[in-house]
């Protein structure tokens, strides 16, 4: 080997070493740098089976990465390209790209939450569960009867059986587990309220109380009116009067309801039409909250039998038909209860 060749090789070797040092320094600088998130925590989710490139794109879309190509190169250099863990992550304050890489490769996921809202139907619950990215969807596509079987619930309908609340769970938890928790919570509240119920209620069982509470939930425009709404329906049941609750009619119409309740809907008989049938409908029509359960089982002493919406979310309550008709004329010029 000639001296000239040796000199060229030494130069090339030196240049390579220098390039490696510069590259390593640049990546060290990048890895230790800061990504400023801000005071509000940012959540982002990585889908199951995400590649390193896909994960970087998802984080870029969530505002977590400004230079995804550098992040990908850093992860590959550190041998972490194949260790991405799916889940929901939360970051706040300042974090370095290296800390972010550790977070998503160690699976440092945050707990997820899901909120079931008072007055929701089971169909609305299922839609939320099916669309939640942190939930393992074991019930998706199953008939309601099969879901009840998995939960070991021996009731024909799932409507109203689950408590409306915010539930925290580990990412990847089965929707069956979430439903079971909501069911047990409802049973606990229902049993406690039933045990402390007022005497001589026209309700034969906790399930009947649940049905009536669901109607109270759907009929209440403002929370302050809820006790008297419950009193109206309890008084009507005592007297054998029709409940005449629009929400039960709407529930019985199912998907045929287009947002407008017409006179013919009130006269078309279904098991849920409380204008054509006395007593309670066969099942709840929604999830009642704790306050609706409480006032249903301990309504205030009152002789009210009617109420009409005043147009501001509240209701006017009456004890006689004449008073009610005057209130209807004043507030709506049409009314049904």
C-alpha atoms as a PDB file:
ATOM      1  CA  UNK A   1       0.000   0.000   0.000  1.00  0.00           C
ATOM      2  CA  UNK A   2       1.474   3.331  -0.995  1.00  0.00           C
ATOM      3  CA  UNK A   3       1.861   6.212   1.401  1.00  0.00           C
ATOM      4  CA  UNK A   4      -0.596   8.199  -0.674  1.00  0.00           C
ATOM      5  CA  UNK A   5      -3.276   5.521  -0.262  1.00  0.00           C
ATOM      6  CA  UNK A   6      -2.552   5.261   3.456  1.00  0.00           C
ATOM      7  CA  UNK A   7      -2.932   9.001   3.784  1.00  0.00           C
ATOM      8  CA  UNK A   8      -6.256   8.932   1.952  1.00  0.00           C
ATOM      9  CA  UNK A   9      -7.520   6.108   4.175  1.00  0.00           C
ATOM     10  CA  UNK A  10      -6.471   7.984   7.310  1.00  0.00           C
ATOM     11  CA  UNK A  11      -8.299  11.056   6.090  1.00  0.00           C
ATOM     12  CA  UNK A  12     -11.408   9.044   5.272  1.00  0.00           C
ATOM     13  CA  UNK A  13     -11.272   7.260   8.615  1.00  0.00           C
ATOM     14  CA  UNK A  14     -10.872  10.548  10.430  1.00  0.00           C
ATOM     15  CA  UNK A  15     -13.746  12.042   8.488  1.00  0.00           C
ATOM     16  CA  UNK A  16     -15.931   9.041   9.300  1.00  0.00           C
ATOM     17  CA  UNK A  17     -15.093   9.266  12.989  1.00  0.00           C
ATOM     18  CA  UNK A  18     -15.764  12.983  12.938  1.00  0.00           C
ATOM     19  CA  UNK A  19     -19.085  12.412  11.161  1.00  0.00           C
ATOM     20  CA  UNK A  20     -20.072   9.798  13.728  1.00  0.00           C
ATOM     21  CA  UNK A  21     -19.143  12.114  16.575  1.00  0.00           C
ATOM     22  CA  UNK A  22     -21.024  15.026  15.017  1.00  0.00           C
ATOM     23  CA  UNK A  23     -24.057  12.838  14.300  1.00  0.00           C
ATOM     24  CA  UNK A  24     -24.001  11.355  17.786  1.00  0.00           C
ATOM     25  CA  UNK A  25     -23.678  14.817  19.252  1.00  0.00           C
ATOM     26  CA  UNK A  26     -26.545  16.102  17.160  1.00  0.00           C
ATOM     27  CA  UNK A  27     -28.802  13.226  18.203  1.00  0.00           C
ATOM     28  CA  UNK A  28     -27.757  13.625  21.833  1.00  0.00           C
ATOM     29  CA  UNK A  29     -28.634  17.296  21.602  1.00  0.00           C
ATOM     30  CA  UNK A  30     -31.985  16.434  20.009  1.00  0.00           C
ATOM     31  CA  UNK A  31     -32.759  13.592  22.438  1.00  0.00           C
ATOM     32  CA  UNK A  32     -32.076  15.771  25.479  1.00  0.00           C
ATOM     33  CA  UNK A  33     -33.895  18.802  24.097  1.00  0.00           C
ATOM     34  CA  UNK A  34     -37.291  19.886  25.325  1.00  0.00           C
ATOM     35  CA  UNK A  35     -40.706  19.593  23.761  1.00  0.00           C
ATOM     36  CA  UNK A  36     -42.814  22.300  25.350  1.00  0.00           C
ATOM     37  CA  UNK A  37     -46.338  21.007  25.905  1.00  0.00           C
ATOM     38  CA  UNK A  38     -47.834  23.847  27.891  1.00  0.00           C
ATOM     39  CA  UNK A  39     -49.700  23.938  31.206  1.00  0.00           C
ATOM     40  CA  UNK A  40     -52.611  21.822  29.963  1.00  0.00           C
ATOM     41  CA  UNK A  41     -51.947  18.064  29.735  1.00  0.00           C
ATOM     42  CA  UNK A  42     -52.024  16.672  26.223  1.00  0.00           C
ATOM     43  CA  UNK A  43     -53.396  13.208  25.585  1.00  0.00           C
ATOM     44  CA  UNK A  44     -52.616  11.161  22.522  1.00  0.00           C
ATOM     45  CA  UNK A  45     -53.350   7.565  21.607  1.00  0.00           C
ATOM     46  CA  UNK A  46     -51.259   5.048  19.726  1.00  0.00           C
ATOM     47  CA  UNK A  47     -53.260   2.431  17.888  1.00  0.00           C
ATOM     48  CA  UNK A  48     -52.614  -1.239  18.397  1.00  0.00           C
ATOM     49  CA  UNK A  49     -50.000  -2.512  15.940  1.00  0.00           C
ATOM     50  CA  UNK A  50     -48.573   0.948  15.262  1.00  0.00           C
ATOM     51  CA  UNK A  51     -45.141   0.992  13.639  1.00  0.00           C
ATOM     52  CA  UNK A  52     -42.499   3.496  14.702  1.00  0.00           C
ATOM     53  CA  UNK A  53     -43.280   5.675  11.690  1.00  0.00           C
ATOM     54  CA  UNK A  54     -47.028   5.451  12.316  1.00  0.00           C
ATOM     55  CA  UNK A  55     -46.547   6.289  16.004  1.00  0.00           C
ATOM     56  CA  UNK A  56     -44.440   9.329  15.082  1.00  0.00           C
ATOM     57  CA  UNK A  57     -47.136  10.485  12.672  1.00  0.00           C
ATOM     58  CA  UNK A  58     -49.841  10.050  15.317  1.00  0.00           C
ATOM     59  CA  UNK A  59     -47.801  12.048  17.837  1.00  0.00           C
ATOM     60  CA  UNK A  60     -47.122  14.743  15.260  1.00  0.00           C
ATOM     61  CA  UNK A  61     -50.860  14.959  14.593  1.00  0.00           C
ATOM     62  CA  UNK A  62     -51.457  15.409  18.337  1.00  0.00           C
ATOM     63  CA  UNK A  63     -48.935  18.263  18.455  1.00  0.00           C
ATOM     64  CA  UNK A  64     -46.325  16.234  20.329  1.00  0.00           C
ATOM     65  CA  UNK A  65     -43.555  16.143  17.697  1.00  0.00           C
ATOM     66  CA  UNK A  66     -42.134  18.891  15.543  1.00  0.00           C
ATOM     67  CA  UNK A  67     -39.470  16.737  13.859  1.00  0.00           C
ATOM     68  CA  UNK A  68     -40.828  13.179  13.456  1.00  0.00           C
ATOM     69  CA  UNK A  69     -37.957  12.122  11.159  1.00  0.00           C
ATOM     70  CA  UNK A  70     -35.411  12.901  13.896  1.00  0.00           C
ATOM     71  CA  UNK A  71     -37.505  11.024  16.440  1.00  0.00           C
ATOM     72  CA  UNK A  72     -37.652   7.977  14.162  1.00  0.00           C
ATOM     73  CA  UNK A  73     -33.881   8.082  13.603  1.00  0.00           C
ATOM     74  CA  UNK A  74     -33.219   8.388  17.350  1.00  0.00           C
ATOM     75  CA  UNK A  75     -35.493   5.428  18.125  1.00  0.00           C
ATOM     76  CA  UNK A  76     -33.780   3.273  15.500  1.00  0.00           C
ATOM     77  CA  UNK A  77     -30.325   4.259  16.704  1.00  0.00           C
ATOM     78  CA  UNK A  78     -31.289   3.183  20.231  1.00  0.00           C
ATOM     79  CA  UNK A  79     -32.824  -0.101  19.049  1.00  0.00           C
ATOM     80  CA  UNK A  80     -36.346   0.799  20.172  1.00  0.00           C
ATOM     81  CA  UNK A  81     -38.076   0.804  16.787  1.00  0.00           C
ATOM     82  CA  UNK A  82     -39.937  -2.430  17.481  1.00  0.00           C
ATOM     83  CA  UNK A  83     -40.990  -1.697  21.060  1.00  0.00           C
ATOM     84  CA  UNK A  84     -43.871   0.735  20.560  1.00  0.00           C
ATOM     85  CA  UNK A  85     -46.758   0.070  22.982  1.00  0.00           C
ATOM     86  CA  UNK A  86     -50.351   0.935  22.103  1.00  0.00           C
ATOM     87  CA  UNK A  87     -52.451   2.940  24.520  1.00  0.00           C
ATOM     88  CA  UNK A  88     -53.500   6.385  25.667  1.00  0.00           C
ATOM     89  CA  UNK A  89     -50.688   8.611  26.919  1.00  0.00           C
ATOM     90  CA  UNK A  90     -50.722  11.912  28.745  1.00  0.00           C
ATOM     91  CA  UNK A  91     -47.909  14.471  28.799  1.00  0.00           C
ATOM     92  CA  UNK A  92     -47.746  17.896  30.403  1.00  0.00           C
ATOM     93  CA  UNK A  93     -45.132  20.570  31.038  1.00  0.00           C
ATOM     94  CA  UNK A  94     -41.797  19.889  29.373  1.00  0.00           C
ATOM     95  CA  UNK A  95     -40.560  16.562  28.092  1.00  0.00           C
ATOM     96  CA  UNK A  96     -37.552  15.561  26.006  1.00  0.00           C
ATOM     97  CA  UNK A  97     -37.833  13.402  22.873  1.00  0.00           C
ATOM     98  CA  UNK A  98     -35.885  10.695  24.723  1.00  0.00           C
ATOM     99  CA  UNK A  99     -38.337  10.771  27.653  1.00  0.00           C
ATOM    100  CA  UNK A 100     -41.195  10.591  25.182  1.00  0.00           C
ATOM    101  CA  UNK A 101     -39.580   7.562  23.539  1.00  0.00           C
ATOM    102  CA  UNK A 102     -39.196   5.855  26.922  1.00  0.00           C
ATOM    103  CA  UNK A 103     -42.843   6.578  27.685  1.00  0.00           C
ATOM    104  CA  UNK A 104     -44.196   4.909  24.548  1.00  0.00           C
ATOM    105  CA  UNK A 105     -41.763   1.969  24.617  1.00  0.00           C
ATOM    106  CA  UNK A 106     -42.277   1.180  28.301  1.00  0.00           C
ATOM    107  CA  UNK A 107     -46.059   1.471  27.977  1.00  0.00           C
ATOM    108  CA  UNK A 108     -46.359   4.286  30.519  1.00  0.00           C
ATOM    109  CA  UNK A 109     -50.010   4.765  29.648  1.00  0.00           C
ATOM    110  CA  UNK A 110     -52.489   6.867  31.548  1.00  0.00           C
ATOM    111  CA  UNK A 111     -55.759   5.555  32.875  1.00  0.00           C
ATOM    112  CA  UNK A 112     -58.633   6.141  30.521  1.00  0.00           C
ATOM    113  CA  UNK A 113     -62.082   7.389  31.465  1.00  0.00           C
ATOM    114  CA  UNK A 114     -65.560   6.954  30.077  1.00  0.00           C
ATOM    115  CA  UNK A 115     -68.661   8.894  31.103  1.00  0.00           C
ATOM    116  CA  UNK A 116     -72.216   7.603  30.897  1.00  0.00           C
ATOM    117  CA  UNK A 117     -74.694  10.476  31.135  1.00  0.00           C
ATOM    118  CA  UNK A 118     -77.959  10.616  33.087  1.00  0.00           C
ATOM    119  CA  UNK A 119     -80.867  10.064  30.756  1.00  0.00           C
ATOM    120  CA  UNK A 120     -78.905   8.110  28.165  1.00  0.00           C
ATOM    121  CA  UNK A 121     -80.327   4.945  26.667  1.00  0.00           C
ATOM    122  CA  UNK A 122     -78.447   1.681  26.473  1.00  0.00           C
ATOM    123  CA  UNK A 123     -78.019   2.264  22.743  1.00  0.00           C
ATOM    124  CA  UNK A 124     -76.166   5.502  23.484  1.00  0.00           C
ATOM    125  CA  UNK A 125     -74.002   3.699  26.044  1.00  0.00           C
ATOM    126  CA  UNK A 126     -73.074   1.009  23.543  1.00  0.00           C
ATOM    127  CA  UNK A 127     -72.175   3.562  20.878  1.00  0.00           C
ATOM    128  CA  UNK A 128     -69.802   5.318  23.262  1.00  0.00           C
ATOM    129  CA  UNK A 129     -68.202   2.029  24.305  1.00  0.00           C
ATOM    130  CA  UNK A 130     -67.838   0.850  20.714  1.00  0.00           C
ATOM    131  CA  UNK A 131     -66.130   4.090  19.693  1.00  0.00           C
ATOM    132  CA  UNK A 132     -63.813   4.439  22.697  1.00  0.00           C
ATOM    133  CA  UNK A 133     -60.190   3.857  21.600  1.00  0.00           C
ATOM    134  CA  UNK A 134     -59.014   2.608  25.010  1.00  0.00           C
ATOM    135  CA  UNK A 135     -61.680  -0.085  25.388  1.00  0.00           C
ATOM    136  CA  UNK A 136     -61.327  -3.727  24.394  1.00  0.00           C
ATOM    137  CA  UNK A 137     -64.482  -4.289  22.381  1.00  0.00           C
ATOM    138  CA  UNK A 138     -65.713  -7.716  23.464  1.00  0.00           C
ATOM    139  CA  UNK A 139     -69.410  -6.851  23.067  1.00  0.00           C
ATOM    140  CA  UNK A 140     -69.274  -5.006  19.762  1.00  0.00           C
ATOM    141  CA  UNK A 141     -71.918  -6.399  17.428  1.00  0.00           C
ATOM    142  CA  UNK A 142     -73.479  -8.684  20.031  1.00  0.00           C
ATOM    143  CA  UNK A 143     -77.251  -8.658  20.606  1.00  0.00           C
ATOM    144  CA  UNK A 144     -78.348  -7.093  23.891  1.00  0.00           C
ATOM    145  CA  UNK A 145     -79.462 -10.501  25.143  1.00  0.00           C
ATOM    146  CA  UNK A 146     -75.953 -11.899  24.707  1.00  0.00           C
ATOM    147  CA  UNK A 147     -74.459  -8.993  26.614  1.00  0.00           C
ATOM    148  CA  UNK A 148     -76.844  -9.587  29.509  1.00  0.00           C
ATOM    149  CA  UNK A 149     -75.873 -13.256  29.455  1.00  0.00           C
ATOM    150  CA  UNK A 150     -72.174 -12.388  29.698  1.00  0.00           C
ATOM    151  CA  UNK A 151     -72.973 -10.157  32.654  1.00  0.00           C
ATOM    152  CA  UNK A 152     -75.107 -12.894  34.277  1.00  0.00           C
ATOM    153  CA  UNK A 153     -78.073 -10.504  34.428  1.00  0.00           C
ATOM    154  CA  UNK A 154     -81.419 -12.290  34.361  1.00  0.00           C
ATOM    155  CA  UNK A 155     -83.532  -9.400  33.122  1.00  0.00           C
ATOM    156  CA  UNK A 156     -84.999  -9.238  29.625  1.00  0.00           C
ATOM    157  CA  UNK A 157     -83.868  -5.686  28.798  1.00  0.00           C
ATOM    158  CA  UNK A 158     -80.586  -3.894  29.620  1.00  0.00           C
ATOM    159  CA  UNK A 159     -82.279  -0.497  29.606  1.00  0.00           C
ATOM    160  CA  UNK A 160     -81.705   1.529  32.746  1.00  0.00           C
ATOM    161  CA  UNK A 161     -79.637  -1.130  34.521  1.00  0.00           C
ATOM    162  CA  UNK A 162     -76.352   0.784  34.444  1.00  0.00           C
ATOM    163  CA  UNK A 163     -75.398   3.741  36.598  1.00  0.00           C
ATOM    164  CA  UNK A 164     -74.519   7.011  34.862  1.00  0.00           C
ATOM    165  CA  UNK A 165     -71.100   8.087  36.088  1.00  0.00           C
ATOM    166  CA  UNK A 166     -67.484   8.594  35.036  1.00  0.00           C
ATOM    167  CA  UNK A 167     -65.507   5.363  35.217  1.00  0.00           C
ATOM    168  CA  UNK A 168     -61.704   5.141  35.268  1.00  0.00           C
ATOM    169  CA  UNK A 169     -60.135   2.028  33.811  1.00  0.00           C
ATOM    170  CA  UNK A 170     -56.843   0.678  32.546  1.00  0.00           C
ATOM    171  CA  UNK A 171     -56.338   1.023  28.829  1.00  0.00           C
ATOM    172  CA  UNK A 172     -57.318  -2.204  27.107  1.00  0.00           C
ATOM    173  CA  UNK A 173     -59.955  -3.169  29.687  1.00  0.00           C
ATOM    174  CA  UNK A 174     -62.909  -5.106  28.327  1.00  0.00           C
ATOM    175  CA  UNK A 175     -66.203  -3.324  27.828  1.00  0.00           C
ATOM    176  CA  UNK A 176     -67.740  -6.234  29.746  1.00  0.00           C
ATOM    177  CA  UNK A 177     -65.817  -5.180  32.865  1.00  0.00           C
ATOM    178  CA  UNK A 178     -66.903  -1.557  32.481  1.00  0.00           C
ATOM    179  CA  UNK A 179     -70.543  -2.549  32.066  1.00  0.00           C
ATOM    180  CA  UNK A 180     -70.306  -4.865  35.073  1.00  0.00           C
ATOM    181  CA  UNK A 181     -69.015  -2.014  37.238  1.00  0.00           C
ATOM    182  CA  UNK A 182     -71.797   0.301  36.063  1.00  0.00           C
ATOM    183  CA  UNK A 183     -74.402  -2.406  36.705  1.00  0.00           C
ATOM    184  CA  UNK A 184     -73.135  -3.156  40.218  1.00  0.00           C
ATOM    185  CA  UNK A 185     -73.054   0.539  41.045  1.00  0.00           C
ATOM    186  CA  UNK A 186     -76.663   0.947  39.929  1.00  0.00           C
ATOM    187  CA  UNK A 187     -77.736  -2.073  41.954  1.00  0.00           C
ATOM    188  CA  UNK A 188     -75.975  -0.704  45.028  1.00  0.00           C
ATOM    189  CA  UNK A 189     -77.672   2.704  44.759  1.00  0.00           C
ATOM    190  CA  UNK A 190     -81.042   1.170  43.945  1.00  0.00           C
ATOM    191  CA  UNK A 191     -80.914  -1.213  46.904  1.00  0.00           C
ATOM    192  CA  UNK A 192     -79.931   1.596  49.289  1.00  0.00           C
ATOM    193  CA  UNK A 193     -82.702   3.893  48.065  1.00  0.00           C
ATOM    194  CA  UNK A 194     -85.268   1.088  48.134  1.00  0.00           C
ATOM    195  CA  UNK A 195     -84.337   0.210  51.713  1.00  0.00           C
ATOM    196  CA  UNK A 196     -84.965   3.824  52.776  1.00  0.00           C
ATOM    197  CA  UNK A 197     -88.089   4.385  50.687  1.00  0.00           C
ATOM    198  CA  UNK A 198     -91.137   6.249  51.881  1.00  0.00           C
ATOM    199  CA  UNK A 199     -94.044   4.128  53.137  1.00  0.00           C
ATOM    200  CA  UNK A 200     -97.049   3.272  50.969  1.00  0.00           C
ATOM    201  CA  UNK A 201     -95.424   3.940  47.601  1.00  0.00           C
ATOM    202  CA  UNK A 202     -97.354   2.480  44.641  1.00  0.00           C
ATOM    203  CA  UNK A 203     -94.263   0.512  43.605  1.00  0.00           C
ATOM    204  CA  UNK A 204     -94.004  -3.243  44.058  1.00  0.00           C
ATOM    205  CA  UNK A 205     -90.269  -3.755  43.540  1.00  0.00           C
ATOM    206  CA  UNK A 206     -86.919  -2.019  43.095  1.00  0.00           C
ATOM    207  CA  UNK A 207     -87.245  -2.634  39.356  1.00  0.00           C
ATOM    208  CA  UNK A 208     -90.535  -0.710  39.251  1.00  0.00           C
ATOM    209  CA  UNK A 209     -88.778   2.087  41.129  1.00  0.00           C
ATOM    210  CA  UNK A 210     -86.053   2.051  38.488  1.00  0.00           C
ATOM    211  CA  UNK A 211     -88.666   2.323  35.723  1.00  0.00           C
ATOM    212  CA  UNK A 212     -90.361   5.295  37.357  1.00  0.00           C
ATOM    213  CA  UNK A 213     -87.037   6.976  38.149  1.00  0.00           C
ATOM    214  CA  UNK A 214     -86.080   6.752  34.481  1.00  0.00           C
ATOM    215  CA  UNK A 215     -89.282   8.582  33.543  1.00  0.00           C
ATOM    216  CA  UNK A 216     -88.601  11.245  36.185  1.00  0.00           C
ATOM    217  CA  UNK A 217     -85.091  11.616  34.760  1.00  0.00           C
ATOM    218  CA  UNK A 218     -86.338  12.181  31.215  1.00  0.00           C
ATOM    219  CA  UNK A 219     -89.189  14.484  32.248  1.00  0.00           C
ATOM    220  CA  UNK A 220     -87.085  16.834  34.384  1.00  0.00           C
ATOM    221  CA  UNK A 221     -86.034  20.042  32.661  1.00  0.00           C
ATOM    222  CA  UNK A 222     -84.422  21.662  35.696  1.00  0.00           C
ATOM    223  CA  UNK A 223     -83.051  19.884  38.733  1.00  0.00           C
ATOM    224  CA  UNK A 224     -85.107  21.954  41.159  1.00  0.00           C
ATOM    225  CA  UNK A 225     -88.295  20.598  39.572  1.00  0.00           C
ATOM    226  CA  UNK A 226     -87.331  16.938  39.976  1.00  0.00           C
ATOM    227  CA  UNK A 227     -89.019  16.322  43.382  1.00  0.00           C
ATOM    228  CA  UNK A 228     -92.379  17.622  42.172  1.00  0.00           C
ATOM    229  CA  UNK A 229     -92.072  15.727  38.874  1.00  0.00           C
ATOM    230  CA  UNK A 230     -91.665  12.566  40.953  1.00  0.00           C
ATOM    231  CA  UNK A 231     -94.618  13.581  43.138  1.00  0.00           C
ATOM    232  CA  UNK A 232     -96.852  14.000  40.083  1.00  0.00           C
ATOM    233  CA  UNK A 233     -96.157  10.505  38.800  1.00  0.00           C
ATOM    234  CA  UNK A 234     -96.384   8.862  42.219  1.00  0.00           C
ATOM    235  CA  UNK A 235     -99.724  10.584  42.835  1.00  0.00           C
ATOM    236  CA  UNK A 236    -101.014   9.526  39.427  1.00  0.00           C
ATOM    237  CA  UNK A 237    -100.047   5.906  40.080  1.00  0.00           C
ATOM    238  CA  UNK A 238    -101.846   6.025  43.426  1.00  0.00           C
ATOM    239  CA  UNK A 239    -105.021   7.266  41.750  1.00  0.00           C
ATOM    240  CA  UNK A 240    -104.814   4.886  38.790  1.00  0.00           C
ATOM    241  CA  UNK A 241    -104.452   7.792  36.371  1.00  0.00           C
ATOM    242  CA  UNK A 242    -102.565   7.588  33.084  1.00  0.00           C
ATOM    243  CA  UNK A 243     -99.001   8.804  33.469  1.00  0.00           C
ATOM    244  CA  UNK A 244     -99.128  10.552  30.085  1.00  0.00           C
ATOM    245  CA  UNK A 245     -95.345  10.885  29.841  1.00  0.00           C
ATOM    246  CA  UNK A 246     -94.114  11.943  26.410  1.00  0.00           C
ATOM    247  CA  UNK A 247     -90.646  10.356  26.844  1.00  0.00           C
ATOM    248  CA  UNK A 248     -92.179   6.889  27.212  1.00  0.00           C
ATOM    249  CA  UNK A 249     -94.094   7.346  23.952  1.00  0.00           C
ATOM    250  CA  UNK A 250     -90.921   8.503  22.208  1.00  0.00           C
ATOM    251  CA  UNK A 251     -89.007   5.527  23.568  1.00  0.00           C
ATOM    252  CA  UNK A 252     -91.680   3.152  22.315  1.00  0.00           C
ATOM    253  CA  UNK A 253     -91.451   4.664  18.828  1.00  0.00           C
ATOM    254  CA  UNK A 254     -87.761   3.772  18.603  1.00  0.00           C
ATOM    255  CA  UNK A 255     -86.042   4.867  15.401  1.00  0.00           C
ATOM    256  CA  UNK A 256     -89.386   5.956  13.937  1.00  0.00           C
ATOM    257  CA  UNK A 257     -89.252   9.087  16.098  1.00  0.00           C
ATOM    258  CA  UNK A 258     -88.115  12.005  13.923  1.00  0.00           C
ATOM    259  CA  UNK A 259     -87.930  14.675  16.599  1.00  0.00           C
ATOM    260  CA  UNK A 260     -91.570  15.690  16.417  1.00  0.00           C
ATOM    261  CA  UNK A 261     -94.208  14.110  18.642  1.00  0.00           C
ATOM    262  CA  UNK A 262     -97.601  14.258  16.923  1.00  0.00           C
ATOM    263  CA  UNK A 263    -101.130  13.650  18.154  1.00  0.00           C
ATOM    264  CA  UNK A 264    -101.322  10.373  16.238  1.00  0.00           C
ATOM    265  CA  UNK A 265     -98.212   9.181  18.100  1.00  0.00           C
ATOM    266  CA  UNK A 266    -100.020   9.699  21.399  1.00  0.00           C
ATOM    267  CA  UNK A 267    -102.969   7.580  20.277  1.00  0.00           C
ATOM    268  CA  UNK A 268    -100.952   4.778  18.666  1.00  0.00           C
ATOM    269  CA  UNK A 269    -100.758   2.013  21.244  1.00  0.00           C
ATOM    270  CA  UNK A 270     -97.397   0.486  22.191  1.00  0.00           C
ATOM    271  CA  UNK A 271     -96.263  -1.127  25.464  1.00  0.00           C
ATOM    272  CA  UNK A 272     -94.583   2.216  26.254  1.00  0.00           C
ATOM    273  CA  UNK A 273     -97.480   4.525  25.426  1.00  0.00           C
ATOM    274  CA  UNK A 274     -98.556   5.885  28.805  1.00  0.00           C
ATOM    275  CA  UNK A 275    -101.373   7.805  27.114  1.00  0.00           C
ATOM    276  CA  UNK A 276    -103.093   4.545  26.125  1.00  0.00           C
ATOM    277  CA  UNK A 277    -102.012   2.258  28.979  1.00  0.00           C
ATOM    278  CA  UNK A 278    -102.239   2.715  32.721  1.00  0.00           C
ATOM    279  CA  UNK A 279     -99.376   1.939  35.069  1.00  0.00           C
ATOM    280  CA  UNK A 280     -95.698   1.749  34.290  1.00  0.00           C
ATOM    281  CA  UNK A 281     -94.126   0.760  30.976  1.00  0.00           C
ATOM    282  CA  UNK A 282     -92.464  -2.681  30.914  1.00  0.00           C
ATOM    283  CA  UNK A 283     -88.856  -1.438  31.292  1.00  0.00           C
ATOM    284  CA  UNK A 284     -86.961   1.725  32.142  1.00  0.00           C
ATOM    285  CA  UNK A 285     -86.544   4.147  29.252  1.00  0.00           C
ATOM    286  CA  UNK A 286     -83.105   5.505  30.212  1.00  0.00           C
ATOM    287  CA  UNK A 287     -80.447   5.596  32.928  1.00  0.00           C
ATOM    288  CA  UNK A 288     -81.690   7.554  35.958  1.00  0.00           C
ATOM    289  CA  UNK A 289     -79.177   9.385  38.090  1.00  0.00           C
ATOM    290  CA  UNK A 290     -78.973   9.146  41.858  1.00  0.00           C
ATOM    291  CA  UNK A 291     -81.104  12.246  42.418  1.00  0.00           C
ATOM    292  CA  UNK A 292     -83.921  10.795  40.312  1.00  0.00           C
ATOM    293  CA  UNK A 293     -83.760   7.528  42.251  1.00  0.00           C
ATOM    294  CA  UNK A 294     -83.829   9.418  45.543  1.00  0.00           C
ATOM    295  CA  UNK A 295     -86.864  11.615  44.803  1.00  0.00           C
ATOM    296  CA  UNK A 296     -88.771   8.742  43.195  1.00  0.00           C
ATOM    297  CA  UNK A 297     -88.499   6.704  46.377  1.00  0.00           C
ATOM    298  CA  UNK A 298     -88.981   9.662  48.687  1.00  0.00           C
ATOM    299  CA  UNK A 299     -91.166  12.180  46.868  1.00  0.00           C
ATOM    300  CA  UNK A 300     -92.268  15.322  48.704  1.00  0.00           C
ATOM    301  CA  UNK A 301     -95.725  15.420  50.258  1.00  0.00           C
ATOM    302  CA  UNK A 302     -97.797  17.186  47.631  1.00  0.00           C
ATOM    303  CA  UNK A 303    -101.122  16.815  45.859  1.00  0.00           C
ATOM    304  CA  UNK A 304     -99.807  17.895  42.430  1.00  0.00           C
ATOM    305  CA  UNK A 305    -101.127  15.865  39.483  1.00  0.00           C
ATOM    306  CA  UNK A 306    -100.120  17.921  36.443  1.00  0.00           C
ATOM    307  CA  UNK A 307     -97.232  19.912  35.078  1.00  0.00           C
ATOM    308  CA  UNK A 308     -96.526  21.860  31.925  1.00  0.00           C
ATOM    309  CA  UNK A 309     -93.291  23.279  30.529  1.00  0.00           C
ATOM    310  CA  UNK A 310     -92.976  27.024  30.957  1.00  0.00           C
ATOM    311  CA  UNK A 311     -90.559  27.467  28.058  1.00  0.00           C
ATOM    312  CA  UNK A 312     -87.504  28.292  30.154  1.00  0.00           C
ATOM    313  CA  UNK A 313     -86.661  24.723  31.125  1.00  0.00           C
ATOM    314  CA  UNK A 314     -88.791  24.785  34.261  1.00  0.00           C
ATOM    315  CA  UNK A 315     -92.351  23.545  34.785  1.00  0.00           C
ATOM    316  CA  UNK A 316     -95.573  24.802  36.307  1.00  0.00           C
ATOM    317  CA  UNK A 317     -97.240  22.296  38.639  1.00  0.00           C
ATOM    318  CA  UNK A 318    -100.968  22.049  39.313  1.00  0.00           C
ATOM    319  CA  UNK A 319    -103.241  20.066  41.617  1.00  0.00           C
ATOM    320  CA  UNK A 320    -106.444  20.398  39.601  1.00  0.00           C
ATOM    321  CA  UNK A 321    -107.296  20.019  35.944  1.00  0.00           C
ATOM    322  CA  UNK A 322    -108.737  23.523  35.776  1.00  0.00           C
ATOM    323  CA  UNK A 323    -105.540  25.068  37.117  1.00  0.00           C
ATOM    324  CA  UNK A 324    -103.521  22.949  34.721  1.00  0.00           C
ATOM    325  CA  UNK A 325    -105.579  24.021  31.698  1.00  0.00           C
ATOM    326  CA  UNK A 326    -105.079  27.673  32.624  1.00  0.00           C
ATOM    327  CA  UNK A 327    -101.325  27.057  32.891  1.00  0.00           C
ATOM    328  CA  UNK A 328    -101.313  25.341  29.513  1.00  0.00           C
ATOM    329  CA  UNK A 329    -103.086  28.317  27.970  1.00  0.00           C
ATOM    330  CA  UNK A 330    -100.593  30.664  29.559  1.00  0.00           C
ATOM    331  CA  UNK A 331     -97.403  28.807  28.728  1.00  0.00           C
ATOM    332  CA  UNK A 332     -98.091  26.654  25.688  1.00  0.00           C
ATOM    333  CA  UNK A 333    -101.682  26.990  24.482  1.00  0.00           C
ATOM    334  CA  UNK A 334    -101.463  23.225  24.054  1.00  0.00           C
ATOM    335  CA  UNK A 335    -100.628  20.552  26.525  1.00  0.00           C
ATOM    336  CA  UNK A 336    -101.002  16.962  27.386  1.00  0.00           C
ATOM    337  CA  UNK A 337    -100.443  16.590  31.110  1.00  0.00           C
END
